[in-house]
Amino acid sequence: MKVANNTVVTLTYTLHNDTKDGAVIDQATKEHPLEGIFGHGMFLPRFEESLQGLEPGDTFGFHLTPAEGYGERNEEMVYTVKKDMFLDENGKLSEHCKEGNTLQFNVGDGNIVPGKIKKVSVELVEIDFNHELAGVPLYFEGEILNVRELKEGDFGGGCGGHCHSSEGGCDSCNSGCEGCK
């Protein structure tokens, strides 16, 4: 089976900074591979495009510009707020408010986003909401280990509501979702 939308793909990868010889940023090994559904936003769009049509045993290597990866750095995503936002009920600074820590912030409407504490001063805290790989050119290399059809129960059950036999999804699903009726 080939990598396509609505398939579950298991793969290894090594992510390098910029080129194949660049520093290793992240890795998924045969012992701890990456698995996900293609075509449902689980992977970067350009990453998916680069793997379309590959089969188990195929290897890959490709470059992504920052725009194709996690975007360019945006200095407007770095905020400075008053330190008292991080004080507990006793007026002490939260133990989590330390330079280098990544915290989860509620930005309204129930949206939670990670922000990295860049600097803590006497009165202010600087928080960077850019993705940690924003502005970084990326090079992925790896191997496709397995490709299979999406089925009921994958990643939370019910085919994730994306069960359409005409699109190569889980045509054997009997969960009653629209595509399987």
C-alpha atoms as a PDB file:
ATOM      1  CA  MET A   1       0.000   0.000   0.000  1.00  0.00           C
ATOM      2  CA  LYS A   2       1.228   3.518  -0.806  1.00  0.00           C
ATOM      3  CA  VAL A   3       1.222   6.626   1.378  1.00  0.00           C
ATOM      4  CA  ALA A   4      -1.945   8.588   0.552  1.00  0.00           C
ATOM      5  CA  ASN A   5      -4.655  10.556   2.301  1.00  0.00           C
ATOM      6  CA  ASN A   6      -6.615   8.508   4.843  1.00  0.00           C
ATOM      7  CA  THR A   7      -3.806   6.015   5.397  1.00  0.00           C
ATOM      8  CA  VAL A   8      -2.033   5.376   8.676  1.00  0.00           C
ATOM      9  CA  VAL A   9       1.700   5.746   8.105  1.00  0.00           C
ATOM     10  CA  THR A  10       4.443   4.510  10.420  1.00  0.00           C
ATOM     11  CA  LEU A  11       7.896   5.928   9.737  1.00  0.00           C
ATOM     12  CA  THR A  12      11.311   6.783  11.070  1.00  0.00           C
ATOM     13  CA  TYR A  13      12.878  10.178  10.570  1.00  0.00           C
ATOM     14  CA  THR A  14      15.819  12.286  11.550  1.00  0.00           C
ATOM     15  CA  LEU A  15      15.206  16.024  11.462  1.00  0.00           C
ATOM     16  CA  HIS A  16      18.295  18.133  10.813  1.00  0.00           C
ATOM     17  CA  ASN A  17      18.859  21.867  10.912  1.00  0.00           C
ATOM     18  CA  ASP A  18      19.046  23.012   7.262  1.00  0.00           C
ATOM     19  CA  THR A  19      20.911  20.146   5.546  1.00  0.00           C
ATOM     20  CA  LYS A  20      21.616  16.432   5.894  1.00  0.00           C
ATOM     21  CA  ASP A  21      24.832  17.392   7.694  1.00  0.00           C
ATOM     22  CA  GLY A  22      23.120  19.890  10.001  1.00  0.00           C
ATOM     23  CA  ALA A  23      22.619  19.395  13.723  1.00  0.00           C
ATOM     24  CA  VAL A  24      20.015  16.773  14.663  1.00  0.00           C
ATOM     25  CA  ILE A  25      16.892  18.465  16.028  1.00  0.00           C
ATOM     26  CA  ASP A  26      14.576  15.480  16.504  1.00  0.00           C
ATOM     27  CA  GLN A  27      14.332  11.805  15.691  1.00  0.00           C
ATOM     28  CA  ALA A  28      11.880   8.901  15.477  1.00  0.00           C
ATOM     29  CA  THR A  29      13.543   5.472  15.410  1.00  0.00           C
ATOM     30  CA  LYS A  30      12.395   1.972  14.471  1.00  0.00           C
ATOM     31  CA  GLU A  31      12.017   1.279  18.201  1.00  0.00           C
ATOM     32  CA  HIS A  32       9.961   4.471  18.666  1.00  0.00           C
ATOM     33  CA  PRO A  33       8.545   5.392  15.248  1.00  0.00           C
ATOM     34  CA  LEU A  34       6.163   8.185  14.318  1.00  0.00           C
ATOM     35  CA  GLU A  35       2.659   7.093  13.345  1.00  0.00           C
ATOM     36  CA  GLY A  36      -0.147   9.252  12.064  1.00  0.00           C
ATOM     37  CA  ILE A  37      -3.012   9.681   9.628  1.00  0.00           C
ATOM     38  CA  PHE A  38      -2.134  11.340   6.354  1.00  0.00           C
ATOM     39  CA  GLY A  39      -4.397  14.066   5.010  1.00  0.00           C
ATOM     40  CA  HIS A  40      -5.836  15.151   8.366  1.00  0.00           C
ATOM     41  CA  GLY A  41      -3.395  17.853   9.461  1.00  0.00           C
ATOM     42  CA  MET A  42      -1.297  15.618  11.711  1.00  0.00           C
ATOM     43  CA  PHE A  43       1.828  16.418   9.658  1.00  0.00           C
ATOM     44  CA  LEU A  44       3.192  19.526   7.966  1.00  0.00           C
ATOM     45  CA  PRO A  45       1.560  19.876   4.521  1.00  0.00           C
ATOM     46  CA  ARG A  46       4.890  19.890   2.631  1.00  0.00           C
ATOM     47  CA  PHE A  47       6.031  16.866   4.682  1.00  0.00           C
ATOM     48  CA  GLU A  48       2.947  14.962   3.495  1.00  0.00           C
ATOM     49  CA  GLU A  49       3.473  16.063  -0.118  1.00  0.00           C
ATOM     50  CA  SER A  50       7.039  14.753  -0.005  1.00  0.00           C
ATOM     51  CA  LEU A  51       5.936  11.306   1.174  1.00  0.00           C
ATOM     52  CA  GLN A  52       2.889  10.817  -1.099  1.00  0.00           C
ATOM     53  CA  GLY A  53       3.145   7.584  -3.077  1.00  0.00           C
ATOM     54  CA  LEU A  54       5.965   6.019  -1.039  1.00  0.00           C
ATOM     55  CA  GLU A  55       5.677   2.417   0.168  1.00  0.00           C
ATOM     56  CA  PRO A  56       7.074   0.451   3.119  1.00  0.00           C
ATOM     57  CA  GLY A  57      10.843   0.125   2.717  1.00  0.00           C
ATOM     58  CA  ASP A  58      11.173   3.361   0.731  1.00  0.00           C
ATOM     59  CA  THR A  59      13.571   5.950   2.116  1.00  0.00           C
ATOM     60  CA  PHE A  60      13.254   9.702   1.806  1.00  0.00           C
ATOM     61  CA  GLY A  61      15.237  12.896   2.206  1.00  0.00           C
ATOM     62  CA  PHE A  62      13.973  16.413   1.557  1.00  0.00           C
ATOM     63  CA  HIS A  63      14.444  20.050   2.571  1.00  0.00           C
ATOM     64  CA  LEU A  64      11.761  22.410   3.885  1.00  0.00           C
ATOM     65  CA  THR A  65      12.140  26.169   3.938  1.00  0.00           C
ATOM     66  CA  PRO A  66      10.984  27.921   7.116  1.00  0.00           C
ATOM     67  CA  ALA A  67       7.766  28.921   5.325  1.00  0.00           C
ATOM     68  CA  GLU A  68       7.120  25.254   4.420  1.00  0.00           C
ATOM     69  CA  GLY A  69       7.941  24.167   7.962  1.00  0.00           C
ATOM     70  CA  TYR A  70       6.930  26.110  11.041  1.00  0.00           C
ATOM     71  CA  GLY A  71       6.884  29.576   9.504  1.00  0.00           C
ATOM     72  CA  GLU A  72       9.172  32.554   9.783  1.00  0.00           C
ATOM     73  CA  ARG A  73       9.934  34.057  13.175  1.00  0.00           C
ATOM     74  CA  ASN A  74       7.560  36.868  13.983  1.00  0.00           C
ATOM     75  CA  GLU A  75       8.766  39.327  16.599  1.00  0.00           C
ATOM     76  CA  GLU A  76       5.152  40.402  17.114  1.00  0.00           C
ATOM     77  CA  MET A  77       4.673  36.982  18.733  1.00  0.00           C
ATOM     78  CA  VAL A  78       7.035  37.969  21.569  1.00  0.00           C
ATOM     79  CA  TYR A  79       5.163  39.653  24.414  1.00  0.00           C
ATOM     80  CA  THR A  80       6.289  41.423  27.549  1.00  0.00           C
ATOM     81  CA  VAL A  81       3.881  41.232  30.463  1.00  0.00           C
ATOM     82  CA  LYS A  82       3.927  42.318  34.075  1.00  0.00           C
ATOM     83  CA  LYS A  83       5.586  39.830  36.395  1.00  0.00           C
ATOM     84  CA  ASP A  84       2.647  39.983  38.812  1.00  0.00           C
ATOM     85  CA  MET A  85       0.688  37.780  36.366  1.00  0.00           C
ATOM     86  CA  PHE A  86       2.895  34.945  37.649  1.00  0.00           C
ATOM     87  CA  LEU A  87       2.522  35.573  41.369  1.00  0.00           C
ATOM     88  CA  ASP A  88       0.707  33.030  43.512  1.00  0.00           C
ATOM     89  CA  GLU A  89      -1.831  33.892  46.239  1.00  0.00           C
ATOM     90  CA  ASN A  90       1.075  34.538  48.660  1.00  0.00           C
ATOM     91  CA  GLY A  91       2.703  37.028  46.323  1.00  0.00           C
ATOM     92  CA  LYS A  92       5.545  34.674  45.373  1.00  0.00           C
ATOM     93  CA  LEU A  93       6.680  34.093  41.811  1.00  0.00           C
ATOM     94  CA  SER A  94       5.440  30.773  40.429  1.00  0.00           C
ATOM     95  CA  GLU A  95       8.169  28.134  40.356  1.00  0.00           C
ATOM     96  CA  HIS A  96       7.262  27.556  36.685  1.00  0.00           C
ATOM     97  CA  CYS A  97       8.101  31.118  35.654  1.00  0.00           C
ATOM     98  CA  LYS A  98      11.760  30.529  34.807  1.00  0.00           C
ATOM     99  CA  GLU A  99      13.760  31.433  31.733  1.00  0.00           C
ATOM    100  CA  GLY A 100      13.694  28.570  29.242  1.00  0.00           C
ATOM    101  CA  ASN A 101      10.473  26.984  30.544  1.00  0.00           C
ATOM    102  CA  THR A 102       7.593  26.485  28.147  1.00  0.00           C
ATOM    103  CA  LEU A 103       4.185  27.083  29.693  1.00  0.00           C
ATOM    104  CA  GLN A 104       0.641  26.715  28.383  1.00  0.00           C
ATOM    105  CA  PHE A 105      -1.284  29.994  28.113  1.00  0.00           C
ATOM    106  CA  ASN A 106      -5.031  30.495  27.717  1.00  0.00           C
ATOM    107  CA  VAL A 107      -5.335  33.107  24.972  1.00  0.00           C
ATOM    108  CA  GLY A 108      -9.123  33.320  25.058  1.00  0.00           C
ATOM    109  CA  ASP A 109     -11.978  31.384  23.475  1.00  0.00           C
ATOM    110  CA  GLY A 110     -10.608  28.231  25.102  1.00  0.00           C
ATOM    111  CA  ASN A 111      -7.445  28.305  22.987  1.00  0.00           C
ATOM    112  CA  ILE A 112      -4.341  27.106  24.804  1.00  0.00           C
ATOM    113  CA  VAL A 113      -0.946  27.845  23.225  1.00  0.00           C
ATOM    114  CA  PRO A 114       2.614  27.193  24.361  1.00  0.00           C
ATOM    115  CA  GLY A 115       4.858  30.125  25.168  1.00  0.00           C
ATOM    116  CA  LYS A 116       8.504  30.032  26.123  1.00  0.00           C
ATOM    117  CA  ILE A 117       9.742  32.266  28.964  1.00  0.00           C
ATOM    118  CA  LYS A 118      12.630  34.183  27.415  1.00  0.00           C
ATOM    119  CA  LYS A 119      13.469  36.628  30.173  1.00  0.00           C
ATOM    120  CA  VAL A 120      12.373  37.348  33.751  1.00  0.00           C
ATOM    121  CA  SER A 121      13.308  40.762  35.108  1.00  0.00           C
ATOM    122  CA  VAL A 122      12.395  42.671  38.264  1.00  0.00           C
ATOM    123  CA  GLU A 123       8.971  43.728  36.974  1.00  0.00           C
ATOM    124  CA  LEU A 124       8.495  42.057  33.565  1.00  0.00           C
ATOM    125  CA  VAL A 125       8.405  38.654  31.874  1.00  0.00           C
ATOM    126  CA  GLU A 126       9.144  38.203  28.173  1.00  0.00           C
ATOM    127  CA  ILE A 127       7.252  35.330  26.501  1.00  0.00           C
ATOM    128  CA  ASP A 128       7.901  34.003  22.978  1.00  0.00           C
ATOM    129  CA  PHE A 129       4.875  32.412  21.276  1.00  0.00           C
ATOM    130  CA  ASN A 130       6.732  31.516  18.069  1.00  0.00           C
ATOM    131  CA  HIS A 131       7.085  27.799  17.394  1.00  0.00           C
ATOM    132  CA  GLU A 132      10.551  26.721  18.552  1.00  0.00           C
ATOM    133  CA  LEU A 133      11.430  25.830  14.936  1.00  0.00           C
ATOM    134  CA  ALA A 134      10.044  29.033  13.395  1.00  0.00           C
ATOM    135  CA  GLY A 135      12.614  30.519  11.026  1.00  0.00           C
ATOM    136  CA  VAL A 136      14.620  27.273  10.869  1.00  0.00           C
ATOM    137  CA  PRO A 137      15.235  25.538   7.524  1.00  0.00           C
ATOM    138  CA  LEU A 138      14.658  21.798   7.973  1.00  0.00           C
ATOM    139  CA  TYR A 139      15.961  18.602   6.392  1.00  0.00           C
ATOM    140  CA  PHE A 140      14.066  15.335   6.953  1.00  0.00           C
ATOM    141  CA  GLU A 141      15.426  11.881   6.152  1.00  0.00           C
ATOM    142  CA  GLY A 142      13.962   8.525   7.053  1.00  0.00           C
ATOM    143  CA  GLU A 143      12.137   5.375   6.016  1.00  0.00           C
ATOM    144  CA  ILE A 144       8.514   4.338   5.581  1.00  0.00           C
ATOM    145  CA  LEU A 145       7.954   1.319   7.864  1.00  0.00           C
ATOM    146  CA  ASN A 146       4.262   0.609   7.317  1.00  0.00           C
ATOM    147  CA  VAL A 147       1.218   1.965   5.486  1.00  0.00           C
ATOM    148  CA  ARG A 148      -2.284   0.701   6.180  1.00  0.00           C
ATOM    149  CA  GLU A 149      -5.884   1.713   5.772  1.00  0.00           C
ATOM    150  CA  LEU A 150      -7.503   3.888   8.399  1.00  0.00           C
ATOM    151  CA  LYS A 151      -9.858   1.813  10.535  1.00  0.00           C
ATOM    152  CA  GLU A 152     -12.350   2.315  13.342  1.00  0.00           C
ATOM    153  CA  GLY A 153     -10.642   3.050  16.633  1.00  0.00           C
ATOM    154  CA  ASP A 154      -7.476   4.551  15.159  1.00  0.00           C
ATOM    155  CA  PHE A 155      -6.337   7.532  17.216  1.00  0.00           C
ATOM    156  CA  GLY A 156      -9.442   7.919  19.342  1.00  0.00           C
ATOM    157  CA  GLY A 157     -12.136   5.852  17.684  1.00  0.00           C
ATOM    158  CA  GLY A 158     -14.833   6.245  15.111  1.00  0.00           C
ATOM    159  CA  CYS A 159     -12.275   6.814  12.342  1.00  0.00           C
ATOM    160  CA  GLY A 160     -12.025  10.378  13.571  1.00  0.00           C
ATOM    161  CA  GLY A 161     -15.147  11.205  11.570  1.00  0.00           C
ATOM    162  CA  HIS A 162     -13.102  10.863   8.380  1.00  0.00           C
ATOM    163  CA  CYS A 163     -14.387   7.490   7.266  1.00  0.00           C
ATOM    164  CA  HIS A 164     -15.196   7.584   3.542  1.00  0.00           C
ATOM    165  CA  SER A 165     -14.750   4.381   1.579  1.00  0.00           C
ATOM    166  CA  SER A 166     -14.754   6.256  -1.738  1.00  0.00           C
ATOM    167  CA  GLU A 167     -11.726   8.197  -0.531  1.00  0.00           C
ATOM    168  CA  GLY A 168      -9.715   5.158   0.523  1.00  0.00           C
ATOM    169  CA  GLY A 169     -10.768   5.336   4.170  1.00  0.00           C
ATOM    170  CA  CYS A 170     -11.973   2.537   6.390  1.00  0.00           C
ATOM    171  CA  ASP A 171     -14.697   0.961   4.284  1.00  0.00           C
ATOM    172  CA  SER A 172     -15.098  -1.866   6.765  1.00  0.00           C
ATOM    173  CA  CYS A 173     -16.030   0.497   9.600  1.00  0.00           C
ATOM    174  CA  ASN A 174     -19.453  -0.222  11.037  1.00  0.00           C
ATOM    175  CA  SER A 175     -19.524   2.700  13.424  1.00  0.00           C
ATOM    176  CA  GLY A 176     -22.367   4.432  11.627  1.00  0.00           C
ATOM    177  CA  CYS A 177     -20.338   7.421  10.474  1.00  0.00           C
ATOM    178  CA  GLU A 178     -21.544   9.126   7.305  1.00  0.00           C
ATOM    179  CA  GLY A 179     -19.045   7.548   4.917  1.00  0.00           C
ATOM    180  CA  CYS A 180     -19.846   3.994   6.041  1.00  0.00           C
ATOM    181  CA  LYS A 181     -23.643   4.010   5.956  1.00  0.00           C
END
